[in-house]
C-alpha atoms as a PDB file:
ATOM      1  CA  UNK A   1       0.000   0.000   0.000  1.00  0.00           C
ATOM      2  CA  UNK A   2       1.102   3.549  -0.718  1.00  0.00           C
ATOM      3  CA  UNK A   3       1.853   5.590   2.374  1.00  0.00           C
ATOM      4  CA  UNK A   4      -0.559   8.545   2.570  1.00  0.00           C
ATOM      5  CA  UNK A   5       0.646  12.011   1.775  1.00  0.00           C
ATOM      6  CA  UNK A   6       0.328  14.972   4.132  1.00  0.00           C
ATOM      7  CA  UNK A   7      -1.966  17.979   3.851  1.00  0.00           C
ATOM      8  CA  UNK A   8      -0.069  21.065   5.028  1.00  0.00           C
ATOM      9  CA  UNK A   9      -2.008  24.081   6.266  1.00  0.00           C
ATOM     10  CA  UNK A  10       0.649  26.606   5.366  1.00  0.00           C
ATOM     11  CA  UNK A  11       0.466  29.871   7.299  1.00  0.00           C
ATOM     12  CA  UNK A  12       1.817  32.646   5.070  1.00  0.00           C
ATOM     13  CA  UNK A  13       1.737  35.484   7.593  1.00  0.00           C
ATOM     14  CA  UNK A  14       0.112  38.893   7.087  1.00  0.00           C
ATOM     15  CA  UNK A  15       1.155  39.551   3.493  1.00  0.00           C
ATOM     16  CA  UNK A  16       4.875  40.254   3.223  1.00  0.00           C
ATOM     17  CA  UNK A  17       6.669  37.105   1.962  1.00  0.00           C
ATOM     18  CA  UNK A  18       9.679  38.090   4.083  1.00  0.00           C
ATOM     19  CA  UNK A  19       7.537  37.415   7.168  1.00  0.00           C
ATOM     20  CA  UNK A  20       6.913  33.759   6.267  1.00  0.00           C
ATOM     21  CA  UNK A  21       8.567  31.133   8.446  1.00  0.00           C
ATOM     22  CA  UNK A  22      11.543  29.147   7.197  1.00  0.00           C
ATOM     23  CA  UNK A  23       9.412  25.986   7.319  1.00  0.00           C
ATOM     24  CA  UNK A  24       6.628  27.540   5.246  1.00  0.00           C
ATOM     25  CA  UNK A  25       9.109  28.764   2.650  1.00  0.00           C
ATOM     26  CA  UNK A  26      10.757  25.333   2.417  1.00  0.00           C
ATOM     27  CA  UNK A  27       7.489  23.440   2.028  1.00  0.00           C
ATOM     28  CA  UNK A  28       6.157  25.851  -0.554  1.00  0.00           C
ATOM     29  CA  UNK A  29       9.260  25.787  -2.748  1.00  0.00           C
ATOM     30  CA  UNK A  30       9.218  21.981  -2.763  1.00  0.00           C
ATOM     31  CA  UNK A  31       5.478  21.573  -3.303  1.00  0.00           C
ATOM     32  CA  UNK A  32       3.964  19.270  -5.938  1.00  0.00           C
ATOM     33  CA  UNK A  33       0.356  20.324  -5.251  1.00  0.00           C
ATOM     34  CA  UNK A  34      -0.716  23.793  -4.071  1.00  0.00           C
ATOM     35  CA  UNK A  35      -4.306  24.612  -3.064  1.00  0.00           C
ATOM     36  CA  UNK A  36      -5.694  28.025  -2.156  1.00  0.00           C
ATOM     37  CA  UNK A  37      -8.985  29.822  -1.612  1.00  0.00           C
ATOM     38  CA  UNK A  38     -10.174  32.681  -3.786  1.00  0.00           C
ATOM     39  CA  UNK A  39     -13.262  34.502  -4.943  1.00  0.00           C
ATOM     40  CA  UNK A  40     -14.485  33.582  -8.409  1.00  0.00           C
ATOM     41  CA  UNK A  41     -12.637  35.556 -11.041  1.00  0.00           C
ATOM     42  CA  UNK A  42      -9.928  36.671  -8.621  1.00  0.00           C
ATOM     43  CA  UNK A  43      -6.362  35.470  -8.268  1.00  0.00           C
ATOM     44  CA  UNK A  44      -6.676  35.113  -4.513  1.00  0.00           C
ATOM     45  CA  UNK A  45      -4.784  37.015  -1.827  1.00  0.00           C
ATOM     46  CA  UNK A  46      -2.917  33.969  -0.521  1.00  0.00           C
ATOM     47  CA  UNK A  47      -1.820  33.061  -4.043  1.00  0.00           C
ATOM     48  CA  UNK A  48      -0.751  36.659  -4.643  1.00  0.00           C
ATOM     49  CA  UNK A  49       1.499  36.633  -1.569  1.00  0.00           C
ATOM     50  CA  UNK A  50       3.579  33.728  -2.880  1.00  0.00           C
ATOM     51  CA  UNK A  51       3.710  34.799  -6.517  1.00  0.00           C
ATOM     52  CA  UNK A  52       7.007  33.602  -7.985  1.00  0.00           C
ATOM     53  CA  UNK A  53       7.678  31.156  -5.143  1.00  0.00           C
ATOM     54  CA  UNK A  54       5.655  28.151  -6.348  1.00  0.00           C
ATOM     55  CA  UNK A  55       7.562  25.601  -8.451  1.00  0.00           C
ATOM     56  CA  UNK A  56       6.615  25.741 -12.139  1.00  0.00           C
ATOM     57  CA  UNK A  57       5.890  22.004 -12.044  1.00  0.00           C
ATOM     58  CA  UNK A  58       3.405  22.264  -9.169  1.00  0.00           C
ATOM     59  CA  UNK A  59      -0.272  21.549  -9.834  1.00  0.00           C
ATOM     60  CA  UNK A  60      -2.453  24.394  -8.530  1.00  0.00           C
ATOM     61  CA  UNK A  61      -5.939  23.821  -7.151  1.00  0.00           C
ATOM     62  CA  UNK A  62      -7.934  27.053  -6.685  1.00  0.00           C
ATOM     63  CA  UNK A  63     -10.895  26.620  -4.344  1.00  0.00           C
ATOM     64  CA  UNK A  64     -13.468  29.236  -5.351  1.00  0.00           C
ATOM     65  CA  UNK A  65     -15.998  30.340  -2.756  1.00  0.00           C
ATOM     66  CA  UNK A  66     -19.548  29.644  -3.989  1.00  0.00           C
ATOM     67  CA  UNK A  67     -21.204  32.520  -2.098  1.00  0.00           C
ATOM     68  CA  UNK A  68     -20.636  36.231  -1.648  1.00  0.00           C
ATOM     69  CA  UNK A  69     -21.748  38.817   0.885  1.00  0.00           C
ATOM     70  CA  UNK A  70     -24.988  39.116  -1.122  1.00  0.00           C
ATOM     71  CA  UNK A  71     -26.308  36.174   0.924  1.00  0.00           C
ATOM     72  CA  UNK A  72     -26.770  37.202   4.592  1.00  0.00           C
ATOM     73  CA  UNK A  73     -24.923  35.127   7.185  1.00  0.00           C
ATOM     74  CA  UNK A  74     -28.263  34.468   8.882  1.00  0.00           C
ATOM     75  CA  UNK A  75     -29.718  32.860   5.746  1.00  0.00           C
ATOM     76  CA  UNK A  76     -29.822  29.037   6.238  1.00  0.00           C
ATOM     77  CA  UNK A  77     -28.567  28.643   2.661  1.00  0.00           C
ATOM     78  CA  UNK A  78     -25.264  30.268   3.620  1.00  0.00           C
ATOM     79  CA  UNK A  79     -24.094  27.428   5.865  1.00  0.00           C
ATOM     80  CA  UNK A  80     -25.642  24.822   3.594  1.00  0.00           C
ATOM     81  CA  UNK A  81     -23.802  26.069   0.494  1.00  0.00           C
ATOM     82  CA  UNK A  82     -20.495  26.585   2.301  1.00  0.00           C
ATOM     83  CA  UNK A  83     -20.685  23.172   3.956  1.00  0.00           C
ATOM     84  CA  UNK A  84     -21.052  21.509   0.560  1.00  0.00           C
ATOM     85  CA  UNK A  85     -18.179  23.580  -0.799  1.00  0.00           C
ATOM     86  CA  UNK A  86     -15.823  22.554   2.006  1.00  0.00           C
ATOM     87  CA  UNK A  87     -16.893  18.921   1.623  1.00  0.00           C
ATOM     88  CA  UNK A  88     -16.014  18.987  -2.077  1.00  0.00           C
ATOM     89  CA  UNK A  89     -12.624  20.610  -1.414  1.00  0.00           C
ATOM     90  CA  UNK A  90     -11.923  18.075   1.325  1.00  0.00           C
ATOM     91  CA  UNK A  91     -12.752  15.161  -0.962  1.00  0.00           C
ATOM     92  CA  UNK A  92     -10.267  16.373  -3.587  1.00  0.00           C
ATOM     93  CA  UNK A  93      -7.461  16.954  -1.077  1.00  0.00           C
ATOM     94  CA  UNK A  94      -8.114  13.654   0.663  1.00  0.00           C
ATOM     95  CA  UNK A  95      -7.984  11.765  -2.648  1.00  0.00           C
ATOM     96  CA  UNK A  96      -4.563  13.241  -3.394  1.00  0.00           C
ATOM     97  CA  UNK A  97      -3.260  12.374   0.067  1.00  0.00           C
ATOM     98  CA  UNK A  98      -4.570   8.809  -0.212  1.00  0.00           C
ATOM     99  CA  UNK A  99      -2.551   8.457  -3.430  1.00  0.00           C
ATOM    100  CA  UNK A 100       0.587   9.410  -1.507  1.00  0.00           C
ATOM    101  CA  UNK A 101       0.713  13.044  -2.621  1.00  0.00           C
ATOM    102  CA  UNK A 102       1.602  15.905  -0.283  1.00  0.00           C
ATOM    103  CA  UNK A 103      -0.537  19.021  -0.691  1.00  0.00           C
ATOM    104  CA  UNK A 104       0.240  22.540   0.491  1.00  0.00           C
ATOM    105  CA  UNK A 105      -2.843  24.643   1.321  1.00  0.00           C
ATOM    106  CA  UNK A 106      -2.025  28.356   1.352  1.00  0.00           C
ATOM    107  CA  UNK A 107      -3.453  30.229   4.343  1.00  0.00           C
ATOM    108  CA  UNK A 108      -3.358  33.981   4.886  1.00  0.00           C
ATOM    109  CA  UNK A 109      -2.169  34.826   8.382  1.00  0.00           C
ATOM    110  CA  UNK A 110      -2.282  31.841  10.745  1.00  0.00           C
ATOM    111  CA  UNK A 111      -4.265  28.748   9.660  1.00  0.00           C
ATOM    112  CA  UNK A 112      -5.989  28.400  13.033  1.00  0.00           C
ATOM    113  CA  UNK A 113      -7.001  32.060  13.407  1.00  0.00           C
ATOM    114  CA  UNK A 114     -10.357  32.826  11.710  1.00  0.00           C
ATOM    115  CA  UNK A 115      -9.218  31.188   8.473  1.00  0.00           C
ATOM    116  CA  UNK A 116     -11.028  28.994   5.958  1.00  0.00           C
ATOM    117  CA  UNK A 117      -8.479  26.204   6.382  1.00  0.00           C
ATOM    118  CA  UNK A 118     -10.002  25.271   9.739  1.00  0.00           C
ATOM    119  CA  UNK A 119     -13.078  23.975   7.928  1.00  0.00           C
ATOM    120  CA  UNK A 120     -10.884  21.647   5.887  1.00  0.00           C
ATOM    121  CA  UNK A 121      -8.861  20.624   8.938  1.00  0.00           C
ATOM    122  CA  UNK A 122     -11.874  19.410  10.910  1.00  0.00           C
ATOM    123  CA  UNK A 123     -12.952  17.282   7.935  1.00  0.00           C
ATOM    124  CA  UNK A 124      -9.479  15.906   7.117  1.00  0.00           C
ATOM    125  CA  UNK A 125      -7.942  15.375  10.542  1.00  0.00           C
ATOM    126  CA  UNK A 126      -8.082  11.734  11.555  1.00  0.00           C
ATOM    127  CA  UNK A 127      -8.527  10.559   7.974  1.00  0.00           C
ATOM    128  CA  UNK A 128      -5.200  11.596   6.420  1.00  0.00           C
ATOM    129  CA  UNK A 129      -2.072  13.203   7.936  1.00  0.00           C
ATOM    130  CA  UNK A 130      -2.477  16.948   8.446  1.00  0.00           C
ATOM    131  CA  UNK A 131       0.331  19.300   9.504  1.00  0.00           C
ATOM    132  CA  UNK A 132      -0.449  22.915  10.431  1.00  0.00           C
ATOM    133  CA  UNK A 133       2.353  25.452  10.022  1.00  0.00           C
ATOM    134  CA  UNK A 134       1.671  28.489  12.256  1.00  0.00           C
ATOM    135  CA  UNK A 135       2.410  32.040  11.197  1.00  0.00           C
ATOM    136  CA  UNK A 136       2.369  35.716  12.158  1.00  0.00           C
ATOM    137  CA  UNK A 137      -1.224  36.964  12.289  1.00  0.00           C
ATOM    138  CA  UNK A 138      -2.557  39.982  10.442  1.00  0.00           C
ATOM    139  CA  UNK A 139      -3.402  41.686  13.735  1.00  0.00           C
ATOM    140  CA  UNK A 140       0.215  41.405  14.873  1.00  0.00           C
ATOM    141  CA  UNK A 141       1.290  43.187  11.690  1.00  0.00           C
ATOM    142  CA  UNK A 142      -1.413  45.810  12.260  1.00  0.00           C
ATOM    143  CA  UNK A 143      -0.430  46.781  15.790  1.00  0.00           C
ATOM    144  CA  UNK A 144       3.238  46.753  14.808  1.00  0.00           C
ATOM    145  CA  UNK A 145       2.394  49.177  11.982  1.00  0.00           C
ATOM    146  CA  UNK A 146       1.055  51.690  14.527  1.00  0.00           C
ATOM    147  CA  UNK A 147       4.493  51.946  16.128  1.00  0.00           C
ATOM    148  CA  UNK A 148       3.259  51.298  19.662  1.00  0.00           C
ATOM    149  CA  UNK A 149       2.955  48.198  21.897  1.00  0.00           C
ATOM    150  CA  UNK A 150      -0.527  46.703  21.992  1.00  0.00           C
ATOM    151  CA  UNK A 151      -0.429  45.548  25.638  1.00  0.00           C
ATOM    152  CA  UNK A 152       1.371  46.470  28.842  1.00  0.00           C
ATOM    153  CA  UNK A 153       1.593  44.652  32.170  1.00  0.00           C
ATOM    154  CA  UNK A 154      -1.783  43.114  33.015  1.00  0.00           C
ATOM    155  CA  UNK A 155      -3.714  44.500  30.040  1.00  0.00           C
ATOM    156  CA  UNK A 156      -6.463  42.257  28.710  1.00  0.00           C
ATOM    157  CA  UNK A 157      -6.552  42.036  24.905  1.00  0.00           C
ATOM    158  CA  UNK A 158      -9.775  41.141  23.077  1.00  0.00           C
ATOM    159  CA  UNK A 159     -10.348  40.338  19.430  1.00  0.00           C
ATOM    160  CA  UNK A 160     -13.810  41.558  18.464  1.00  0.00           C
ATOM    161  CA  UNK A 161     -15.682  40.798  15.239  1.00  0.00           C
ATOM    162  CA  UNK A 162     -17.443  43.685  13.531  1.00  0.00           C
ATOM    163  CA  UNK A 163     -20.193  41.240  12.538  1.00  0.00           C
ATOM    164  CA  UNK A 164     -21.424  41.051  16.148  1.00  0.00           C
ATOM    165  CA  UNK A 165     -24.505  43.007  17.265  1.00  0.00           C
ATOM    166  CA  UNK A 166     -23.508  46.457  18.486  1.00  0.00           C
ATOM    167  CA  UNK A 167     -24.492  45.844  22.105  1.00  0.00           C
ATOM    168  CA  UNK A 168     -22.307  42.720  22.233  1.00  0.00           C
ATOM    169  CA  UNK A 169     -19.378  44.655  20.769  1.00  0.00           C
ATOM    170  CA  UNK A 170     -19.835  47.384  23.381  1.00  0.00           C
ATOM    171  CA  UNK A 171     -19.782  44.792  26.184  1.00  0.00           C
ATOM    172  CA  UNK A 172     -16.528  43.217  24.951  1.00  0.00           C
ATOM    173  CA  UNK A 173     -14.915  46.592  24.279  1.00  0.00           C
ATOM    174  CA  UNK A 174     -15.842  47.951  27.702  1.00  0.00           C
ATOM    175  CA  UNK A 175     -14.376  44.955  29.541  1.00  0.00           C
ATOM    176  CA  UNK A 176     -11.047  44.971  27.663  1.00  0.00           C
ATOM    177  CA  UNK A 177      -7.991  47.190  27.950  1.00  0.00           C
ATOM    178  CA  UNK A 178      -6.700  46.654  24.415  1.00  0.00           C
ATOM    179  CA  UNK A 179      -8.700  45.793  21.309  1.00  0.00           C
ATOM    180  CA  UNK A 180      -8.397  44.346  17.843  1.00  0.00           C
ATOM    181  CA  UNK A 181     -11.505  44.738  15.697  1.00  0.00           C
ATOM    182  CA  UNK A 182     -11.726  42.583  12.575  1.00  0.00           C
ATOM    183  CA  UNK A 183     -14.305  41.887   9.852  1.00  0.00           C
ATOM    184  CA  UNK A 184     -15.070  45.573   9.532  1.00  0.00           C
ATOM    185  CA  UNK A 185     -16.112  46.271   5.925  1.00  0.00           C
ATOM    186  CA  UNK A 186     -19.791  47.203   5.743  1.00  0.00           C
ATOM    187  CA  UNK A 187     -19.946  47.096   9.579  1.00  0.00           C
ATOM    188  CA  UNK A 188     -17.749  50.178   9.980  1.00  0.00           C
ATOM    189  CA  UNK A 189     -20.544  52.518  11.170  1.00  0.00           C
ATOM    190  CA  UNK A 190     -21.692  49.945  13.732  1.00  0.00           C
ATOM    191  CA  UNK A 191     -18.095  49.526  14.925  1.00  0.00           C
ATOM    192  CA  UNK A 192     -17.655  53.295  15.262  1.00  0.00           C
ATOM    193  CA  UNK A 193     -20.819  53.499  17.340  1.00  0.00           C
ATOM    194  CA  UNK A 194     -19.687  50.676  19.616  1.00  0.00           C
ATOM    195  CA  UNK A 195     -16.252  52.242  20.144  1.00  0.00           C
ATOM    196  CA  UNK A 196     -17.868  55.572  21.051  1.00  0.00           C
ATOM    197  CA  UNK A 197     -20.212  53.922  23.565  1.00  0.00           C
ATOM    198  CA  UNK A 198     -17.269  52.013  25.065  1.00  0.00           C
ATOM    199  CA  UNK A 199     -15.259  55.238  25.393  1.00  0.00           C
ATOM    200  CA  UNK A 200     -12.446  54.011  23.129  1.00  0.00           C
ATOM    201  CA  UNK A 201     -13.145  55.771  19.849  1.00  0.00           C
ATOM    202  CA  UNK A 202     -10.528  58.511  20.244  1.00  0.00           C
ATOM    203  CA  UNK A 203      -7.808  55.892  20.926  1.00  0.00           C
ATOM    204  CA  UNK A 204      -8.631  53.753  17.891  1.00  0.00           C
ATOM    205  CA  UNK A 205      -6.351  53.344  14.870  1.00  0.00           C
ATOM    206  CA  UNK A 206      -7.344  52.080  11.440  1.00  0.00           C
ATOM    207  CA  UNK A 207      -4.741  49.942   9.647  1.00  0.00           C
ATOM    208  CA  UNK A 208      -5.387  48.910   6.065  1.00  0.00           C
ATOM    209  CA  UNK A 209      -3.387  46.264   4.194  1.00  0.00           C
ATOM    210  CA  UNK A 210      -1.007  45.623   7.116  1.00  0.00           C
ATOM    211  CA  UNK A 211       2.373  44.313   5.861  1.00  0.00           C
ATOM    212  CA  UNK A 212       1.112  44.458   2.273  1.00  0.00           C
ATOM    213  CA  UNK A 213       1.698  46.903  -0.564  1.00  0.00           C
ATOM    214  CA  UNK A 214      -0.509  49.923   0.023  1.00  0.00           C
ATOM    215  CA  UNK A 215      -0.408  49.766   3.832  1.00  0.00           C
ATOM    216  CA  UNK A 216      -1.975  52.808   5.514  1.00  0.00           C
ATOM    217  CA  UNK A 217      -2.146  53.752   9.197  1.00  0.00           C
ATOM    218  CA  UNK A 218      -4.308  56.568  10.590  1.00  0.00           C
ATOM    219  CA  UNK A 219      -6.471  57.487  13.550  1.00  0.00           C
ATOM    220  CA  UNK A 220      -9.972  56.144  13.039  1.00  0.00           C
ATOM    221  CA  UNK A 221     -11.380  59.582  13.844  1.00  0.00           C
ATOM    222  CA  UNK A 222      -9.515  60.975  10.841  1.00  0.00           C
ATOM    223  CA  UNK A 223     -11.118  58.444   8.484  1.00  0.00           C
ATOM    224  CA  UNK A 224     -14.750  59.509   8.850  1.00  0.00           C
ATOM    225  CA  UNK A 225     -16.844  58.498   5.855  1.00  0.00           C
ATOM    226  CA  UNK A 226     -14.080  56.317   4.449  1.00  0.00           C
ATOM    227  CA  UNK A 227     -14.955  52.990   2.854  1.00  0.00           C
ATOM    228  CA  UNK A 228     -12.771  50.372   4.500  1.00  0.00           C
ATOM    229  CA  UNK A 229     -11.379  47.516   2.381  1.00  0.00           C
ATOM    230  CA  UNK A 230     -11.579  43.859   3.413  1.00  0.00           C
ATOM    231  CA  UNK A 231      -8.028  43.878   4.777  1.00  0.00           C
ATOM    232  CA  UNK A 232      -8.690  46.443   7.518  1.00  0.00           C
ATOM    233  CA  UNK A 233      -8.083  46.117  11.245  1.00  0.00           C
ATOM    234  CA  UNK A 234      -8.855  48.557  14.054  1.00  0.00           C
ATOM    235  CA  UNK A 235      -6.348  48.729  16.902  1.00  0.00           C
ATOM    236  CA  UNK A 236      -6.862  50.191  20.386  1.00  0.00           C
ATOM    237  CA  UNK A 237      -3.714  50.064  22.507  1.00  0.00           C
ATOM    238  CA  UNK A 238      -3.716  49.110  26.169  1.00  0.00           C
ATOM    239  CA  UNK A 239      -2.362  51.599  28.682  1.00  0.00           C
ATOM    240  CA  UNK A 240      -1.532  49.194  31.495  1.00  0.00           C
ATOM    241  CA  UNK A 241       1.084  48.798  34.180  1.00  0.00           C
ATOM    242  CA  UNK A 242       4.693  49.479  33.271  1.00  0.00           C
ATOM    243  CA  UNK A 243       7.870  50.059  35.323  1.00  0.00           C
END
């Protein structure tokens, strides 16, 4: 029998190829099969990060999301369609592994931090070998871009999703000393309102395209009315104990 291949969840870091780990770089440059997520008709951000690093002989497998933001998250069809999509992707990757082929799955940021790879991992793990390669997260690149430490001493850091109801965001923001707000996009006005109610609006920074070409850093209060791109993170620094 052929020994099974390994599915690698390859964390690429926040966007700058220089911030990839040595292990991720090695696995990518020796890959025979490379899979990555993307929107239909797009190249895909993860694929863009590693442009020029994939061997010319590698077989690429783009996994195109079947839904867009036009379908609300609360619509039962959303989970149903995505579940079928992940099942199909899993079946293809598992078939390659069962034939003895290693497959590298490109993951923006860290594979286990709000990424799509987790949905493949839960379906593959226990059936074929899976190896997750951790990486620098996008939020780490974002707070570094502000030029100030995110936490001091006993500060409590919370990662808050802009998709939450405003009252839930306010509760999390009020309890925490330092904040990272993700999944902003069309939720920006709701996020602004929550930050104001939590008394943290004037301390908030907006970082766009952290560690990518086109990175911008500015106070959130100076970006009123601005349309925020997908790769946007809001940072509120802690002000805790220090010597």
